Amino acid sequence: MKKMKVFSEGFIIDKRCFGEGAQPFCIHRVRFTNGKYGIVRARSGVCFNPGDIIIKNETGWQYDQKQVYLLAFEYVDENESIRQFVEY
């Protein structure tokens, strides 16, 4: 099996969940290996937990060795990520 090159790793710091049980809506504050942060939401409704790691490789984003699709997000500094997370 070919080993995939990892382009970036994101460490889940915080999460907030909204919505009903069958249709969760979770936002996550993530610290990336490039030193930036982001507010991330999975398109599939997946909710990550603090301490989880998401990985970007040649095929896209993965969590727990499964492909996940993230909604568009931007890299920001730590203070901006805190502000956005609280205001979301």
N, C-alpha and C. Protein backbone atom coordinates (compact mmCIF):
# COMPACT_ATOMS: atom_id res chain seq x y z
N MET A 1 0.84 -1.17 0.00
CA MET A 1 0.00 0.00 0.00
C MET A 1 0.89 1.24 0.00
N LYS A 2 0.57 2.21 -0.84
CA LYS A 2 1.33 3.45 -0.96
C LYS A 2 1.06 4.35 0.24
N LYS A 3 2.14 4.87 0.82
CA LYS A 3 1.99 5.80 1.94
C LYS A 3 1.73 7.19 1.38
N MET A 4 0.68 7.85 1.87
CA MET A 4 0.30 9.18 1.41
C MET A 4 1.15 10.24 2.09
N LYS A 5 1.52 11.26 1.34
CA LYS A 5 2.23 12.39 1.90
C LYS A 5 1.23 13.27 2.64
N VAL A 6 1.55 13.61 3.88
CA VAL A 6 0.69 14.47 4.69
C VAL A 6 1.10 15.92 4.45
N PHE A 7 0.15 16.74 4.01
CA PHE A 7 0.40 18.15 3.76
C PHE A 7 0.16 19.00 4.99
N SER A 8 -0.82 18.62 5.80
CA SER A 8 -1.18 19.41 6.97
C SER A 8 -1.92 18.54 7.96
N GLU A 9 -1.76 18.87 9.23
CA GLU A 9 -2.54 18.24 10.28
C GLU A 9 -3.24 19.33 11.06
N GLY A 10 -4.46 19.04 11.48
CA GLY A 10 -5.22 19.97 12.28
C GLY A 10 -5.63 19.31 13.59
N PHE A 11 -5.36 20.00 14.67
CA PHE A 11 -5.67 19.48 16.00
C PHE A 11 -6.92 20.19 16.51
N ILE A 12 -7.96 19.41 16.78
CA ILE A 12 -9.22 19.98 17.25
C ILE A 12 -9.04 20.48 18.68
N ILE A 13 -9.29 21.78 18.87
CA ILE A 13 -9.12 22.40 20.19
C ILE A 13 -10.46 22.50 20.91
N ASP A 14 -11.48 22.99 20.21
CA ASP A 14 -12.81 23.20 20.79
C ASP A 14 -13.88 22.80 19.79
N LYS A 15 -15.07 22.52 20.30
CA LYS A 15 -16.21 22.30 19.40
C LYS A 15 -17.46 22.86 20.03
N ARG A 16 -18.37 23.29 19.17
CA ARG A 16 -19.71 23.72 19.59
C ARG A 16 -20.69 23.01 18.68
N CYS A 17 -21.74 22.47 19.27
CA CYS A 17 -22.73 21.73 18.48
C CYS A 17 -24.08 22.43 18.56
N PHE A 18 -24.74 22.42 17.42
CA PHE A 18 -26.07 23.00 17.28
C PHE A 18 -26.94 21.97 16.57
N GLY A 19 -28.22 22.23 16.47
CA GLY A 19 -29.12 21.35 15.72
C GLY A 19 -29.63 20.20 16.55
N GLU A 20 -30.46 19.40 15.91
CA GLU A 20 -31.08 18.25 16.55
C GLU A 20 -30.19 17.02 16.42
N GLY A 21 -30.49 15.99 17.20
CA GLY A 21 -29.68 14.78 17.25
C GLY A 21 -29.40 14.13 15.91
N ALA A 22 -30.41 14.04 15.04
CA ALA A 22 -30.23 13.39 13.75
C ALA A 22 -29.49 14.28 12.75
N GLN A 23 -29.47 15.59 13.00
CA GLN A 23 -28.81 16.52 12.08
C GLN A 23 -27.91 17.47 12.86
N PRO A 24 -26.78 16.93 13.35
CA PRO A 24 -25.89 17.80 14.12
C PRO A 24 -25.22 18.85 13.24
N PHE A 25 -24.89 19.93 13.84
CA PHE A 25 -24.21 21.03 13.17
C PHE A 25 -23.09 21.44 14.13
N CYS A 26 -21.88 21.04 13.85
CA CYS A 26 -20.77 21.31 14.76
C CYS A 26 -19.73 22.21 14.10
N ILE A 27 -19.25 23.16 14.87
CA ILE A 27 -18.13 23.96 14.42
C ILE A 27 -16.95 23.62 15.33
N HIS A 28 -15.77 23.72 14.78
CA HIS A 28 -14.57 23.32 15.50
C HIS A 28 -13.51 24.40 15.38
N ARG A 29 -12.83 24.66 16.47
CA ARG A 29 -11.65 25.53 16.42
C ARG A 29 -10.45 24.60 16.31
N VAL A 30 -9.65 24.83 15.28
CA VAL A 30 -8.57 23.91 14.93
C VAL A 30 -7.24 24.65 14.87
N ARG A 31 -6.18 24.02 15.41
CA ARG A 31 -4.82 24.53 15.29
C ARG A 31 -4.09 23.65 14.29
N PHE A 32 -3.54 24.28 13.25
CA PHE A 32 -2.87 23.55 12.18
C PHE A 32 -1.36 23.56 12.37
N THR A 33 -0.70 22.61 11.73
CA THR A 33 0.76 22.49 11.84
C THR A 33 1.50 23.66 11.19
N ASN A 34 0.82 24.48 10.39
CA ASN A 34 1.47 25.66 9.81
C ASN A 34 1.45 26.85 10.77
N GLY A 35 0.97 26.62 12.00
CA GLY A 35 0.94 27.67 13.01
C GLY A 35 -0.31 28.53 12.97
N LYS A 36 -1.19 28.27 12.02
CA LYS A 36 -2.43 29.04 11.90
C LYS A 36 -3.58 28.26 12.54
N TYR A 37 -4.71 28.94 12.63
CA TYR A 37 -5.93 28.37 13.20
C TYR A 37 -7.05 28.50 12.19
N GLY A 38 -8.15 27.83 12.43
CA GLY A 38 -9.32 27.96 11.58
C GLY A 38 -10.57 27.50 12.30
N ILE A 39 -11.71 28.01 11.82
CA ILE A 39 -13.01 27.54 12.29
C ILE A 39 -13.52 26.60 11.19
N VAL A 40 -13.67 25.34 11.53
CA VAL A 40 -13.91 24.29 10.54
C VAL A 40 -15.24 23.60 10.80
N ARG A 41 -15.92 23.30 9.71
CA ARG A 41 -17.17 22.53 9.77
C ARG A 41 -17.13 21.47 8.69
N ALA A 42 -17.44 20.24 9.05
CA ALA A 42 -17.48 19.15 8.07
C ALA A 42 -18.79 19.19 7.31
N ARG A 43 -18.72 19.04 6.01
CA ARG A 43 -19.91 19.08 5.16
C ARG A 43 -20.86 17.92 5.48
N SER A 44 -20.32 16.82 5.90
CA SER A 44 -21.12 15.62 6.13
C SER A 44 -21.81 15.60 7.49
N GLY A 45 -21.65 16.64 8.29
CA GLY A 45 -22.27 16.68 9.61
C GLY A 45 -21.46 15.96 10.66
N VAL A 46 -20.24 15.55 10.33
CA VAL A 46 -19.37 14.89 11.29
C VAL A 46 -18.98 15.87 12.38
N CYS A 47 -19.02 15.40 13.62
CA CYS A 47 -18.57 16.22 14.75
C CYS A 47 -17.29 15.61 15.32
N PHE A 48 -16.23 16.40 15.31
CA PHE A 48 -14.97 15.97 15.89
C PHE A 48 -14.96 16.34 17.37
N ASN A 49 -14.08 15.72 18.13
CA ASN A 49 -13.95 16.01 19.55
C ASN A 49 -12.60 16.66 19.83
N PRO A 50 -12.52 17.51 20.85
CA PRO A 50 -11.23 18.07 21.21
C PRO A 50 -10.21 16.94 21.40
N GLY A 51 -9.04 17.14 20.83
CA GLY A 51 -7.99 16.12 20.85
C GLY A 51 -7.92 15.30 19.58
N ASP A 52 -9.00 15.30 18.78
CA ASP A 52 -8.98 14.59 17.50
C ASP A 52 -8.05 15.32 16.53
N ILE A 53 -7.59 14.59 15.52
CA ILE A 53 -6.69 15.15 14.51
C ILE A 53 -7.29 14.90 13.13
N ILE A 54 -7.32 15.97 12.31
CA ILE A 54 -7.70 15.82 10.90
C ILE A 54 -6.43 16.00 10.08
N ILE A 55 -6.34 15.28 8.99
CA ILE A 55 -5.13 15.27 8.17
C ILE A 55 -5.49 15.59 6.72
N LYS A 56 -4.68 16.45 6.10
CA LYS A 56 -4.83 16.72 4.68
C LYS A 56 -3.68 16.05 3.95
N ASN A 57 -4.03 15.18 2.99
CA ASN A 57 -3.02 14.53 2.17
C ASN A 57 -3.39 14.68 0.71
N GLU A 58 -2.80 13.89 -0.15
CA GLU A 58 -3.00 14.01 -1.59
C GLU A 58 -4.46 13.86 -2.02
N THR A 59 -5.24 13.13 -1.25
CA THR A 59 -6.64 12.87 -1.63
C THR A 59 -7.63 13.80 -0.96
N GLY A 60 -7.18 14.68 -0.06
CA GLY A 60 -8.07 15.60 0.64
C GLY A 60 -7.96 15.43 2.14
N TRP A 61 -8.99 15.84 2.84
CA TRP A 61 -8.99 15.76 4.31
C TRP A 61 -9.45 14.39 4.77
N GLN A 62 -8.82 13.90 5.84
CA GLN A 62 -9.20 12.61 6.43
C GLN A 62 -9.30 12.73 7.94
N TYR A 63 -10.18 11.91 8.48
CA TYR A 63 -10.33 11.78 9.92
C TYR A 63 -10.53 10.31 10.22
N ASP A 64 -9.75 9.78 11.14
CA ASP A 64 -9.87 8.37 11.51
C ASP A 64 -9.75 7.48 10.27
N GLN A 65 -8.82 7.83 9.38
CA GLN A 65 -8.51 7.10 8.15
C GLN A 65 -9.69 7.03 7.18
N LYS A 66 -10.63 7.96 7.30
CA LYS A 66 -11.76 8.05 6.38
C LYS A 66 -11.80 9.44 5.77
N GLN A 67 -12.19 9.53 4.52
CA GLN A 67 -12.29 10.82 3.83
C GLN A 67 -13.42 11.65 4.45
N VAL A 68 -13.13 12.92 4.73
CA VAL A 68 -14.15 13.85 5.19
C VAL A 68 -14.10 15.09 4.32
N TYR A 69 -15.23 15.73 4.15
CA TYR A 69 -15.31 16.91 3.31
C TYR A 69 -15.61 18.11 4.19
N LEU A 70 -14.69 19.07 4.17
CA LEU A 70 -14.84 20.26 4.99
C LEU A 70 -15.41 21.39 4.16
N LEU A 71 -16.25 22.21 4.78
CA LEU A 71 -16.71 23.43 4.13
C LEU A 71 -15.53 24.39 4.07
N ALA A 72 -15.58 25.33 3.15
CA ALA A 72 -14.49 26.28 2.98
C ALA A 72 -14.21 27.02 4.29
N PHE A 73 -12.94 27.25 4.57
CA PHE A 73 -12.55 28.00 5.76
C PHE A 73 -11.27 28.76 5.44
N GLU A 74 -10.94 29.70 6.30
CA GLU A 74 -9.71 30.45 6.10
C GLU A 74 -8.79 30.26 7.30
N TYR A 75 -7.49 30.36 7.03
CA TYR A 75 -6.51 30.30 8.10
C TYR A 75 -6.42 31.68 8.74
N VAL A 76 -6.45 31.72 10.08
CA VAL A 76 -6.38 32.97 10.83
C VAL A 76 -5.42 32.78 12.00
N ASP A 77 -5.11 33.89 12.69
CA ASP A 77 -4.26 33.76 13.87
C ASP A 77 -5.11 33.28 15.05
N GLU A 78 -4.44 32.99 16.16
CA GLU A 78 -5.13 32.41 17.31
C GLU A 78 -6.22 33.33 17.86
N ASN A 79 -5.91 34.61 18.04
CA ASN A 79 -6.91 35.53 18.60
C ASN A 79 -8.14 35.64 17.72
N GLU A 80 -7.94 35.70 16.41
CA GLU A 80 -9.09 35.78 15.50
C GLU A 80 -9.91 34.50 15.56
N SER A 81 -9.25 33.36 15.71
CA SER A 81 -10.00 32.10 15.79
C SER A 81 -10.87 32.06 17.05
N ILE A 82 -10.35 32.60 18.14
CA ILE A 82 -11.14 32.66 19.38
C ILE A 82 -12.34 33.57 19.18
N ARG A 83 -12.12 34.74 18.59
CA ARG A 83 -13.20 35.68 18.36
C ARG A 83 -14.29 35.07 17.48
N GLN A 84 -13.89 34.45 16.36
CA GLN A 84 -14.87 33.85 15.46
C GLN A 84 -15.62 32.70 16.13
N PHE A 85 -14.92 31.90 16.90
CA PHE A 85 -15.55 30.75 17.55
C PHE A 85 -16.61 31.21 18.55
N VAL A 86 -16.30 32.24 19.33
CA VAL A 86 -17.24 32.76 20.32
C VAL A 86 -18.44 33.43 19.65
N GLU A 87 -18.21 34.14 18.55
CA GLU A 87 -19.29 34.86 17.89
C GLU A 87 -20.14 33.99 16.98
N TYR A 88 -19.69 32.80 16.65
CA TYR A 88 -20.43 31.96 15.71
C TYR A 88 -21.79 31.63 16.25
